[in-house]
Each structure stands twice: as structure tokens, then as C-alpha cells.
Amino acid sequence: MNFKWVINKLKEGKKVRRPSWEENSCWVLGIDQKICWKDGETAHIHINQIEATDWELFKEKPKVIILDDNELSIMNYAEEFPKNWKRICESLDKRKEGEKLIK
């Protein structure tokens, strides 16, 4: 892919990179249409990059997170919280409705 392709992909909001770059490096389109590294630092574009034809879309690799038992419990709690909160609210609503009927 040539540099014109790079510009079009950046305008579409995509991230681009070259295979020779570090694994997690890529360019994005920053504020004021500046080409930036993904951390926001302005990229300096060299002639070899403009002439390159090996551009590709950046695909972030999934991160592997190793948790101990305590962290795993916290993650499970966080995942289950919305469902549990909904049950609690529904239970409270039913209780309030029951109290209204008694009064």
C-alpha cells in the first residue's frame, strides 16, 4: 500500500503501521489533521515512509492479563454487578408495591 492509501485510511479513523516497526507502534490522525503516533506525539515523516509500499492496517493484539484469585473474584463481581443490581432494584420495587397494597 502506498502513502496515498495511508492518508485515506488515517482520514477514515484507522490506525496504520509498517511491518518493520515495533510491534505496538502505529500512526493515527491527531488534532488539526496531524499524523501522530498512537500516544499523541507528532510523527516525523521521512521520505522513505512516503515512498514505502509495505503499509498495513494496525491490529492491536489482545492483552493477556494474569490475575490472582483475589483479582479474579473482583473481576467476576464487576461482571455480575449489573445483573445483581437489576435484581436488587426489581426486588425493592416489588417490596414497595407490596407495602402500598398493605396500606
PDB file of N, CA and C in Angstrom:
ATOM      1  N   MET A   1       0.837  -1.174   0.000  1.00  0.00           N
ATOM      2  CA  MET A   1       0.000   0.000   0.000  1.00  0.00           C
ATOM      3  C   MET A   1       0.885   1.242   0.000  1.00  0.00           C
ATOM      4  N   ASN A   2       0.492   2.238  -0.764  1.00  0.00           N
ATOM      5  CA  ASN A   2       1.318   3.442  -0.874  1.00  0.00           C
ATOM      6  C   ASN A   2       0.877   4.513   0.126  1.00  0.00           C
ATOM      7  N   PHE A   3       1.567   5.643   0.108  1.00  0.00           N
ATOM      8  CA  PHE A   3       1.310   6.675   1.106  1.00  0.00           C
ATOM      9  C   PHE A   3      -0.056   7.326   0.921  1.00  0.00           C
ATOM     10  N   LYS A   4      -0.568   7.382  -0.311  1.00  0.00           N
ATOM     11  CA  LYS A   4      -1.913   7.917  -0.532  1.00  0.00           C
ATOM     12  C   LYS A   4      -2.939   7.034   0.187  1.00  0.00           C
ATOM     13  N   TRP A   5      -2.727   5.732   0.146  1.00  0.00           N
ATOM     14  CA  TRP A   5      -3.593   4.793   0.871  1.00  0.00           C
ATOM     15  C   TRP A   5      -3.532   5.089   2.366  1.00  0.00           C
ATOM     16  N   VAL A   6      -2.323   5.346   2.885  1.00  0.00           N
ATOM     17  CA  VAL A   6      -2.132   5.673   4.296  1.00  0.00           C
ATOM     18  C   VAL A   6      -2.967   6.891   4.677  1.00  0.00           C
ATOM     19  N   ILE A   7      -2.873   7.937   3.876  1.00  0.00           N
ATOM     20  CA  ILE A   7      -3.610   9.174   4.161  1.00  0.00           C
ATOM     21  C   ILE A   7      -5.115   8.910   4.189  1.00  0.00           C
ATOM     22  N   ASN A   8      -5.614   8.158   3.214  1.00  0.00           N
ATOM     23  CA  ASN A   8      -7.049   7.849   3.180  1.00  0.00           C
ATOM     24  C   ASN A   8      -7.483   7.051   4.405  1.00  0.00           C
ATOM     25  N   LYS A   9      -6.693   6.073   4.815  1.00  0.00           N
ATOM     26  CA  LYS A   9      -7.041   5.264   5.992  1.00  0.00           C
ATOM     27  C   LYS A   9      -7.020   6.103   7.259  1.00  0.00           C
ATOM     28  N   LEU A  10      -6.030   6.985   7.368  1.00  0.00           N
ATOM     29  CA  LEU A  10      -5.983   7.870   8.533  1.00  0.00           C
ATOM     30  C   LEU A  10      -7.215   8.767   8.585  1.00  0.00           C
ATOM     31  N   LYS A  11      -7.638   9.289   7.447  1.00  0.00           N
ATOM     32  CA  LYS A  11      -8.837  10.131   7.392  1.00  0.00           C
ATOM     33  C   LYS A  11     -10.087   9.352   7.781  1.00  0.00           C
ATOM     34  N   GLU A  12     -10.087   8.033   7.532  1.00  0.00           N
ATOM     35  CA  GLU A  12     -11.211   7.172   7.915  1.00  0.00           C
ATOM     36  C   GLU A  12     -11.185   6.821   9.403  1.00  0.00           C
ATOM     37  N   GLY A  13     -10.144   7.273  10.097  1.00  0.00           N
ATOM     38  CA  GLY A  13     -10.036   6.974  11.527  1.00  0.00           C
ATOM     39  C   GLY A  13      -9.312   5.678  11.839  1.00  0.00           C
ATOM     40  N   LYS A  14      -8.683   5.096  10.846  1.00  0.00           N
ATOM     41  CA  LYS A  14      -7.947   3.847  11.031  1.00  0.00           C
ATOM     42  C   LYS A  14      -6.539   4.132  11.543  1.00  0.00           C
ATOM     43  N   LYS A  15      -5.915   3.095  12.075  1.00  0.00           N
ATOM     44  CA  LYS A  15      -4.518   3.165  12.506  1.00  0.00           C
ATOM     45  C   LYS A  15      -3.697   2.407  11.476  1.00  0.00           C
ATOM     46  N   VAL A  16      -2.532   2.958  11.145  1.00  0.00           N
ATOM     47  CA  VAL A  16      -1.664   2.330  10.145  1.00  0.00           C
ATOM     48  C   VAL A  16      -0.259   2.148  10.697  1.00  0.00           C
ATOM     49  N   ARG A  17       0.464   1.228  10.070  1.00  0.00           N
ATOM     50  CA  ARG A  17       1.832   0.951  10.507  1.00  0.00           C
ATOM     51  C   ARG A  17       2.597   0.308   9.379  1.00  0.00           C
ATOM     52  N   ARG A  18       3.881   0.155   9.600  1.00  0.00           N
ATOM     53  CA  ARG A  18       4.732  -0.615   8.691  1.00  0.00           C
ATOM     54  C   ARG A  18       5.208  -1.854   9.434  1.00  0.00           C
ATOM     55  N   PRO A  19       5.339  -2.968   8.747  1.00  0.00           N
ATOM     56  CA  PRO A  19       5.729  -4.214   9.422  1.00  0.00           C
ATOM     57  C   PRO A  19       7.069  -4.152  10.141  1.00  0.00           C
ATOM     58  N   SER A  20       7.944  -3.280   9.719  1.00  0.00           N
ATOM     59  CA  SER A  20       9.268  -3.186  10.334  1.00  0.00           C
ATOM     60  C   SER A  20       9.260  -2.416  11.661  1.00  0.00           C
ATOM     61  N   TRP A  21       8.153  -1.774  11.998  1.00  0.00           N
ATOM     62  CA  TRP A  21       8.061  -1.004  13.231  1.00  0.00           C
ATOM     63  C   TRP A  21       7.922  -1.929  14.433  1.00  0.00           C
ATOM     64  N   GLU A  22       8.153  -1.370  15.622  1.00  0.00           N
ATOM     65  CA  GLU A  22       7.938  -2.129  16.850  1.00  0.00           C
ATOM     66  C   GLU A  22       6.502  -2.643  16.858  1.00  0.00           C
ATOM     67  N   GLU A  23       6.302  -3.752  17.537  1.00  0.00           N
ATOM     68  CA  GLU A  23       5.032  -4.473  17.485  1.00  0.00           C
ATOM     69  C   GLU A  23       3.800  -3.600  17.778  1.00  0.00           C
ATOM     70  N   ASN A  24       3.876  -2.734  18.726  1.00  0.00           N
ATOM     71  CA  ASN A  24       2.696  -1.972  19.157  1.00  0.00           C
ATOM     72  C   ASN A  24       2.691  -0.538  18.630  1.00  0.00           C
ATOM     73  N   SER A  25       3.500  -0.235  17.623  1.00  0.00           N
ATOM     74  CA  SER A  25       3.598   1.121  17.082  1.00  0.00           C
ATOM     75  C   SER A  25       2.632   1.319  15.920  1.00  0.00           C
ATOM     76  N   CYS A  26       2.055   2.501  15.875  1.00  0.00           N
ATOM     77  CA  CYS A  26       1.183   2.837  14.742  1.00  0.00           C
ATOM     78  C   CYS A  26       0.983   4.345  14.687  1.00  0.00           C
ATOM     79  N   TRP A  27       0.447   4.795  13.570  1.00  0.00           N
ATOM     80  CA  TRP A  27       0.085   6.193  13.378  1.00  0.00           C
ATOM     81  C   TRP A  27      -1.420   6.340  13.421  1.00  0.00           C
ATOM     82  N   VAL A  28      -1.849   7.492  13.902  1.00  0.00           N
ATOM     83  CA  VAL A  28      -3.256   7.889  13.892  1.00  0.00           C
ATOM     84  C   VAL A  28      -3.324   9.333  13.414  1.00  0.00           C
ATOM     85  N   LEU A  29      -4.515   9.771  13.042  1.00  0.00           N
ATOM     86  CA  LEU A  29      -4.685  11.169  12.677  1.00  0.00           C
ATOM     87  C   LEU A  29      -5.073  11.932  13.932  1.00  0.00           C
ATOM     88  N   GLY A  30      -4.234  12.892  14.308  1.00  0.00           N
ATOM     89  CA  GLY A  30      -4.454  13.623  15.545  1.00  0.00           C
ATOM     90  C   GLY A  30      -5.206  14.931  15.313  1.00  0.00           C
ATOM     91  N   ILE A  31      -5.169  15.757  16.319  1.00  0.00           N
ATOM     92  CA  ILE A  31      -5.820  17.061  16.276  1.00  0.00           C
ATOM     93  C   ILE A  31      -5.214  17.890  15.150  1.00  0.00           C
ATOM     94  N   ASP A  32      -6.026  18.687  14.503  1.00  0.00           N
ATOM     95  CA  ASP A  32      -5.587  19.557  13.401  1.00  0.00           C
ATOM     96  C   ASP A  32      -5.015  18.768  12.226  1.00  0.00           C
ATOM     97  N   GLN A  33      -5.498  17.526  12.055  1.00  0.00           N
ATOM     98  CA  GLN A  33      -5.085  16.691  10.919  1.00  0.00           C
ATOM     99  C   GLN A  33      -3.593  16.372  10.922  1.00  0.00           C
ATOM    100  N   LYS A  34      -2.957  16.367  12.088  1.00  0.00           N
ATOM    101  CA  LYS A  34      -1.549  15.994  12.187  1.00  0.00           C
ATOM    102  C   LYS A  34      -1.444  14.481  12.280  1.00  0.00           C
ATOM    103  N   ILE A  35      -0.440  13.921  11.644  1.00  0.00           N
ATOM    104  CA  ILE A  35      -0.180  12.495  11.777  1.00  0.00           C
ATOM    105  C   ILE A  35       0.629  12.297  13.056  1.00  0.00           C
ATOM    106  N   CYS A  36       0.112  11.452  13.923  1.00  0.00           N
ATOM    107  CA  CYS A  36       0.721  11.241  15.243  1.00  0.00           C
ATOM    108  C   CYS A  36       0.942   9.757  15.510  1.00  0.00           C
ATOM    109  N   TRP A  37       1.845   9.495  16.428  1.00  0.00           N
ATOM    110  CA  TRP A  37       1.953   8.152  16.979  1.00  0.00           C
ATOM    111  C   TRP A  37       0.732   7.925  17.848  1.00  0.00           C
ATOM    112  N   LYS A  38       0.425   6.704  18.183  1.00  0.00           N
ATOM    113  CA  LYS A  38      -0.816   6.455  18.918  1.00  0.00           C
ATOM    114  C   LYS A  38      -0.830   7.087  20.304  1.00  0.00           C
ATOM    115  N   ASP A  39       0.320   7.480  20.837  1.00  0.00           N
ATOM    116  CA  ASP A  39       0.344   8.158  22.131  1.00  0.00           C
ATOM    117  C   ASP A  39       0.114   9.669  21.998  1.00  0.00           C
ATOM    118  N   GLY A  40      -0.085  10.156  20.746  1.00  0.00           N
ATOM    119  CA  GLY A  40      -0.375  11.565  20.521  1.00  0.00           C
ATOM    120  C   GLY A  40       0.827  12.397  20.113  1.00  0.00           C
ATOM    121  N   GLU A  41       2.019  11.826  20.199  1.00  0.00           N
ATOM    122  CA  GLU A  41       3.222  12.564  19.798  1.00  0.00           C
ATOM    123  C   GLU A  41       3.247  12.705  18.276  1.00  0.00           C
ATOM    124  N   THR A  42       3.551  13.899  17.801  1.00  0.00           N
ATOM    125  CA  THR A  42       3.594  14.142  16.362  1.00  0.00           C
ATOM    126  C   THR A  42       4.652  13.271  15.701  1.00  0.00           C
ATOM    127  N   ALA A  43       4.272  12.623  14.592  1.00  0.00           N
ATOM    128  CA  ALA A  43       5.204  11.776  13.842  1.00  0.00           C
ATOM    129  C   ALA A  43       6.002  12.641  12.878  1.00  0.00           C
ATOM    130  N   HIS A  44       7.273  12.338  12.751  1.00  0.00           N
ATOM    131  CA  HIS A  44       8.129  12.998  11.758  1.00  0.00           C
ATOM    132  C   HIS A  44       8.169  12.081  10.551  1.00  0.00           C
ATOM    133  N   ILE A  45       7.692  12.564   9.426  1.00  0.00           N
ATOM    134  CA  ILE A  45       7.573  11.734   8.236  1.00  0.00           C
ATOM    135  C   ILE A  45       8.820  11.895   7.377  1.00  0.00           C
ATOM    136  N   HIS A  46       9.473  10.772   7.122  1.00  0.00           N
ATOM    137  CA  HIS A  46      10.687  10.753   6.317  1.00  0.00           C
ATOM    138  C   HIS A  46      10.360  10.322   4.894  1.00  0.00           C
ATOM    139  N   ILE A  47      11.210  10.664   3.979  1.00  0.00           N
ATOM    140  CA  ILE A  47      10.998  10.338   2.564  1.00  0.00           C
ATOM    141  C   ILE A  47      10.836   8.831   2.350  1.00  0.00           C
ATOM    142  N   ASN A  48      11.568   8.006   3.136  1.00  0.00           N
ATOM    143  CA  ASN A  48      11.443   6.559   2.963  1.00  0.00           C
ATOM    144  C   ASN A  48      10.040   6.060   3.325  1.00  0.00           C
ATOM    145  N   GLN A  49       9.363   6.766   4.229  1.00  0.00           N
ATOM    146  CA  GLN A  49       7.988   6.383   4.572  1.00  0.00           C
ATOM    147  C   GLN A  49       7.019   6.787   3.461  1.00  0.00           C
ATOM    148  N   ILE A  50       7.258   7.936   2.864  1.00  0.00           N
ATOM    149  CA  ILE A  50       6.387   8.396   1.774  1.00  0.00           C
ATOM    150  C   ILE A  50       6.523   7.471   0.563  1.00  0.00           C
ATOM    151  N   GLU A  51       7.722   6.968   0.329  1.00  0.00           N
ATOM    152  CA  GLU A  51       7.957   6.092  -0.815  1.00  0.00           C
ATOM    153  C   GLU A  51       7.647   4.617  -0.539  1.00  0.00           C
ATOM    154  N   ALA A  52       7.437   4.257   0.710  1.00  0.00           N
ATOM    155  CA  ALA A  52       7.215   2.853   1.077  1.00  0.00           C
ATOM    156  C   ALA A  52       5.900   2.331   0.510  1.00  0.00           C
ATOM    157  N   THR A  53       5.878   1.038   0.241  1.00  0.00           N
ATOM    158  CA  THR A  53       4.662   0.391  -0.280  1.00  0.00           C
ATOM    159  C   THR A  53       4.234  -0.784   0.604  1.00  0.00           C
ATOM    160  N   ASP A  54       4.829  -0.887   1.790  1.00  0.00           N
ATOM    161  CA  ASP A  54       4.504  -2.015   2.663  1.00  0.00           C
ATOM    162  C   ASP A  54       3.596  -1.636   3.839  1.00  0.00           C
ATOM    163  N   TRP A  55       2.822  -0.585   3.711  1.00  0.00           N
ATOM    164  CA  TRP A  55       1.927  -0.138   4.777  1.00  0.00           C
ATOM    165  C   TRP A  55       0.837  -1.159   5.019  1.00  0.00           C
ATOM    166  N   GLU A  56       0.344  -1.185   6.257  1.00  0.00           N
ATOM    167  CA  GLU A  56      -0.748  -2.086   6.622  1.00  0.00           C
ATOM    168  C   GLU A  56      -1.602  -1.444   7.710  1.00  0.00           C
ATOM    169  N   LEU A  57      -2.812  -1.970   7.879  1.00  0.00           N
ATOM    170  CA  LEU A  57      -3.650  -1.517   8.987  1.00  0.00           C
ATOM    171  C   LEU A  57      -3.095  -2.085  10.280  1.00  0.00           C
ATOM    172  N   PHE A  58      -3.172  -1.313  11.321  1.00  0.00           N
ATOM    173  CA  PHE A  58      -2.715  -1.742  12.645  1.00  0.00           C
ATOM    174  C   PHE A  58      -3.807  -2.554  13.311  1.00  0.00           C
ATOM    175  N   LYS A  59      -3.450  -3.712  13.772  1.00  0.00           N
ATOM    176  CA  LYS A  59      -4.384  -4.554  14.523  1.00  0.00           C
ATOM    177  C   LYS A  59      -3.772  -4.798  15.890  1.00  0.00           C
ATOM    178  N   GLU A  60      -4.411  -4.234  16.900  1.00  0.00           N
ATOM    179  CA  GLU A  60      -3.892  -4.372  18.250  1.00  0.00           C
ATOM    180  C   GLU A  60      -4.051  -5.817  18.711  1.00  0.00           C
ATOM    181  N   LYS A  61      -2.994  -6.353  19.261  1.00  0.00           N
ATOM    182  CA  LYS A  61      -3.042  -7.723  19.755  1.00  0.00           C
ATOM    183  C   LYS A  61      -3.729  -7.736  21.107  1.00  0.00           C
ATOM    184  N   PRO A  62      -4.574  -8.733  21.341  1.00  0.00           N
ATOM    185  CA  PRO A  62      -5.232  -8.799  22.649  1.00  0.00           C
ATOM    186  C   PRO A  62      -4.211  -8.953  23.764  1.00  0.00           C
ATOM    187  N   LYS A  63      -4.481  -8.285  24.865  1.00  0.00           N
ATOM    188  CA  LYS A  63      -3.575  -8.353  26.001  1.00  0.00           C
ATOM    189  C   LYS A  63      -3.972  -9.538  26.877  1.00  0.00           C
ATOM    190  N   VAL A  64      -2.980 -10.253  27.334  1.00  0.00           N
ATOM    191  CA  VAL A  64      -3.216 -11.362  28.256  1.00  0.00           C
ATOM    192  C   VAL A  64      -2.970 -10.825  29.657  1.00  0.00           C
ATOM    193  N   ILE A  65      -3.982 -10.950  30.495  1.00  0.00           N
ATOM    194  CA  ILE A  65      -3.869 -10.466  31.867  1.00  0.00           C
ATOM    195  C   ILE A  65      -3.924 -11.669  32.793  1.00  0.00           C
ATOM    196  N   ILE A  66      -2.917 -11.811  33.611  1.00  0.00           N
ATOM    197  CA  ILE A  66      -2.885 -12.909  34.577  1.00  0.00           C
ATOM    198  C   ILE A  66      -3.315 -12.350  35.923  1.00  0.00           C
ATOM    199  N   LEU A  67      -4.362 -12.947  36.473  1.00  0.00           N
ATOM    200  CA  LEU A  67      -4.915 -12.474  37.732  1.00  0.00           C
ATOM    201  C   LEU A  67      -4.716 -13.508  38.825  1.00  0.00           C
ATOM    202  N   ASP A  68      -4.527 -13.041  40.050  1.00  0.00           N
ATOM    203  CA  ASP A  68      -4.537 -13.997  41.153  1.00  0.00           C
ATOM    204  C   ASP A  68      -5.994 -14.206  41.570  1.00  0.00           C
ATOM    205  N   ASP A  69      -6.246 -15.087  42.519  1.00  0.00           N
ATOM    206  CA  ASP A  69      -7.619 -15.435  42.912  1.00  0.00           C
ATOM    207  C   ASP A  69      -8.407 -14.227  43.389  1.00  0.00           C
ATOM    208  N   ASN A  70      -7.760 -13.338  44.135  1.00  0.00           N
ATOM    209  CA  ASN A  70      -8.445 -12.158  44.656  1.00  0.00           C
ATOM    210  C   ASN A  70      -8.866 -11.234  43.518  1.00  0.00           C
ATOM    211  N   GLU A  71      -7.956 -10.994  42.559  1.00  0.00           N
ATOM    212  CA  GLU A  71      -8.287 -10.140  41.414  1.00  0.00           C
ATOM    213  C   GLU A  71      -9.377 -10.777  40.571  1.00  0.00           C
ATOM    214  N   LEU A  72      -9.348 -12.089  40.431  1.00  0.00           N
ATOM    215  CA  LEU A  72     -10.359 -12.808  39.665  1.00  0.00           C
ATOM    216  C   LEU A  72     -11.724 -12.646  40.312  1.00  0.00           C
ATOM    217  N   SER A  73     -11.781 -12.701  41.625  1.00  0.00           N
ATOM    218  CA  SER A  73     -13.045 -12.509  42.342  1.00  0.00           C
ATOM    219  C   SER A  73     -13.600 -11.111  42.086  1.00  0.00           C
ATOM    220  N   ILE A  74     -12.717 -10.117  42.093  1.00  0.00           N
ATOM    221  CA  ILE A  74     -13.142  -8.744  41.842  1.00  0.00           C
ATOM    222  C   ILE A  74     -13.676  -8.612  40.417  1.00  0.00           C
ATOM    223  N   MET A  75     -12.984  -9.221  39.437  1.00  0.00           N
ATOM    224  CA  MET A  75     -13.438  -9.165  38.042  1.00  0.00           C
ATOM    225  C   MET A  75     -14.798  -9.837  37.888  1.00  0.00           C
ATOM    226  N   ASN A  76     -14.970 -10.994  38.512  1.00  0.00           N
ATOM    227  CA  ASN A  76     -16.261 -11.683  38.439  1.00  0.00           C
ATOM    228  C   ASN A  76     -17.359 -10.829  39.063  1.00  0.00           C
ATOM    229  N   TYR A  77     -17.054 -10.200  40.196  1.00  0.00           N
ATOM    230  CA  TYR A  77     -18.030  -9.337  40.848  1.00  0.00           C
ATOM    231  C   TYR A  77     -18.415  -8.183  39.923  1.00  0.00           C
ATOM    232  N   ALA A  78     -17.419  -7.577  39.270  1.00  0.00           N
ATOM    233  CA  ALA A  78     -17.689  -6.447  38.375  1.00  0.00           C
ATOM    234  C   ALA A  78     -18.551  -6.879  37.194  1.00  0.00           C
ATOM    235  N   GLU A  79     -18.306  -8.073  36.665  1.00  0.00           N
ATOM    236  CA  GLU A  79     -19.111  -8.568  35.542  1.00  0.00           C
ATOM    237  C   GLU A  79     -20.541  -8.852  35.968  1.00  0.00           C
ATOM    238  N   GLU A  80     -20.708  -9.364  37.161  1.00  0.00           N
ATOM    239  CA  GLU A  80     -22.039  -9.749  37.642  1.00  0.00           C
ATOM    240  C   GLU A  80     -22.817  -8.573  38.226  1.00  0.00           C
ATOM    241  N   PHE A  81     -22.148  -7.480  38.540  1.00  0.00           N
ATOM    242  CA  PHE A  81     -22.793  -6.364  39.228  1.00  0.00           C
ATOM    243  C   PHE A  81     -24.055  -5.853  38.524  1.00  0.00           C
ATOM    244  N   PRO A  82     -24.026  -5.586  37.200  1.00  0.00           N
ATOM    245  CA  PRO A  82     -25.251  -5.056  36.567  1.00  0.00           C
ATOM    246  C   PRO A  82     -26.452  -5.987  36.714  1.00  0.00           C
ATOM    247  N   LYS A  83     -26.230  -7.290  36.573  1.00  0.00           N
ATOM    248  CA  LYS A  83     -27.349  -8.239  36.723  1.00  0.00           C
ATOM    249  C   LYS A  83     -27.848  -8.263  38.161  1.00  0.00           C
ATOM    250  N   ASN A  84     -26.897  -8.278  39.098  1.00  0.00           N
ATOM    251  CA  ASN A  84     -27.293  -8.296  40.510  1.00  0.00           C
ATOM    252  C   ASN A  84     -28.008  -7.008  40.897  1.00  0.00           C
ATOM    253  N   TRP A  85     -27.539  -5.883  40.416  1.00  0.00           N
ATOM    254  CA  TRP A  85     -28.163  -4.594  40.726  1.00  0.00           C
ATOM    255  C   TRP A  85     -29.593  -4.552  40.200  1.00  0.00           C
ATOM    256  N   LYS A  86     -29.808  -5.078  39.008  1.00  0.00           N
ATOM    257  CA  LYS A  86     -31.146  -5.124  38.421  1.00  0.00           C
ATOM    258  C   LYS A  86     -32.075  -5.962  39.297  1.00  0.00           C
ATOM    259  N   ARG A  87     -31.585  -7.106  39.768  1.00  0.00           N
ATOM    260  CA  ARG A  87     -32.406  -7.958  40.638  1.00  0.00           C
ATOM    261  C   ARG A  87     -32.748  -7.245  41.939  1.00  0.00           C
ATOM    262  N   ILE A  88     -31.762  -6.547  42.507  1.00  0.00           N
ATOM    263  CA  ILE A  88     -31.995  -5.814  43.755  1.00  0.00           C
ATOM    264  C   ILE A  88     -33.059  -4.742  43.533  1.00  0.00           C
ATOM    265  N   CYS A  89     -32.947  -3.980  42.457  1.00  0.00           N
ATOM    266  CA  CYS A  89     -33.918  -2.915  42.171  1.00  0.00           C
ATOM    267  C   CYS A  89     -35.310  -3.492  41.949  1.00  0.00           C
ATOM    268  N   GLU A  90     -35.389  -4.587  41.204  1.00  0.00           N
ATOM    269  CA  GLU A  90     -36.697  -5.211  40.968  1.00  0.00           C
ATOM    270  C   GLU A  90     -37.297  -5.702  42.275  1.00  0.00           C
ATOM    271  N   SER A  91     -36.470  -6.260  43.137  1.00  0.00           N
ATOM    272  CA  SER A  91     -36.936  -6.735  44.436  1.00  0.00           C
ATOM    273  C   SER A  91     -37.456  -5.580  45.281  1.00  0.00           C
ATOM    274  N   LEU A  92     -36.716  -4.468  45.298  1.00  0.00           N
ATOM    275  CA  LEU A  92     -37.161  -3.298  46.054  1.00  0.00           C
ATOM    276  C   LEU A  92     -38.462  -2.731  45.494  1.00  0.00           C
ATOM    277  N   ASP A  93     -38.589  -2.708  44.168  1.00  0.00           N
ATOM    278  CA  ASP A  93     -39.820  -2.224  43.545  1.00  0.00           C
ATOM    279  C   ASP A  93     -41.003  -3.090  43.957  1.00  0.00           C
ATOM    280  N   LYS A  94     -40.803  -4.412  43.959  1.00  0.00           N
ATOM    281  CA  LYS A  94     -41.886  -5.324  44.358  1.00  0.00           C
ATOM    282  C   LYS A  94     -42.250  -5.112  45.818  1.00  0.00           C
ATOM    283  N   ARG A  95     -41.224  -4.898  46.655  1.00  0.00           N
ATOM    284  CA  ARG A  95     -41.476  -4.667  48.081  1.00  0.00           C
ATOM    285  C   ARG A  95     -42.281  -3.387  48.268  1.00  0.00           C
ATOM    286  N   LYS A  96     -41.916  -2.313  47.536  1.00  0.00           N
ATOM    287  CA  LYS A  96     -42.650  -1.056  47.639  1.00  0.00           C
ATOM    288  C   LYS A  96     -44.081  -1.219  47.181  1.00  0.00           C
ATOM    289  N   GLU A  97     -44.289  -1.971  46.101  1.00  0.00           N
ATOM    290  CA  GLU A  97     -45.652  -2.220  45.620  1.00  0.00           C
ATOM    291  C   GLU A  97     -46.460  -2.982  46.655  1.00  0.00           C
ATOM    292  N   GLY A  98     -45.817  -3.958  47.307  1.00  0.00           N
ATOM    293  CA  GLY A  98     -46.493  -4.723  48.356  1.00  0.00           C
ATOM    294  C   GLY A  98     -46.858  -3.840  49.532  1.00  0.00           C
ATOM    295  N   GLU A  99     -45.975  -2.932  49.918  1.00  0.00           N
ATOM    296  CA  GLU A  99     -46.267  -2.019  51.035  1.00  0.00           C
ATOM    297  C   GLU A  99     -47.414  -1.093  50.693  1.00  0.00           C
ATOM    298  N   LYS A 100     -47.527  -0.669  49.444  1.00  0.00           N
ATOM    299  CA  LYS A 100     -48.637   0.182  49.029  1.00  0.00           C
ATOM    300  C   LYS A 100     -49.963  -0.560  49.159  1.00  0.00           C
ATOM    301  N   LEU A 101     -49.966  -1.847  48.812  1.00  0.00           N
ATOM    302  CA  LEU A 101     -51.190  -2.641  48.873  1.00  0.00           C
ATOM    303  C   LEU A 101     -51.643  -2.848  50.315  1.00  0.00           C
ATOM    304  N   ILE A 102     -50.663  -2.980  51.227  1.00  0.00           N
ATOM    305  CA  ILE A 102     -50.996  -3.200  52.641  1.00  0.00           C
ATOM    306  C   ILE A 102     -51.604  -1.943  53.245  1.00  0.00           C
ATOM    307  N   LYS A 103     -51.112  -0.798  52.848  1.00  0.00           N
ATOM    308  CA  LYS A 103     -51.579   0.479  53.424  1.00  0.00           C
ATOM    309  C   LYS A 103     -52.918   0.739  52.908  1.00  0.00           C
TER     310      LYS A 103
END
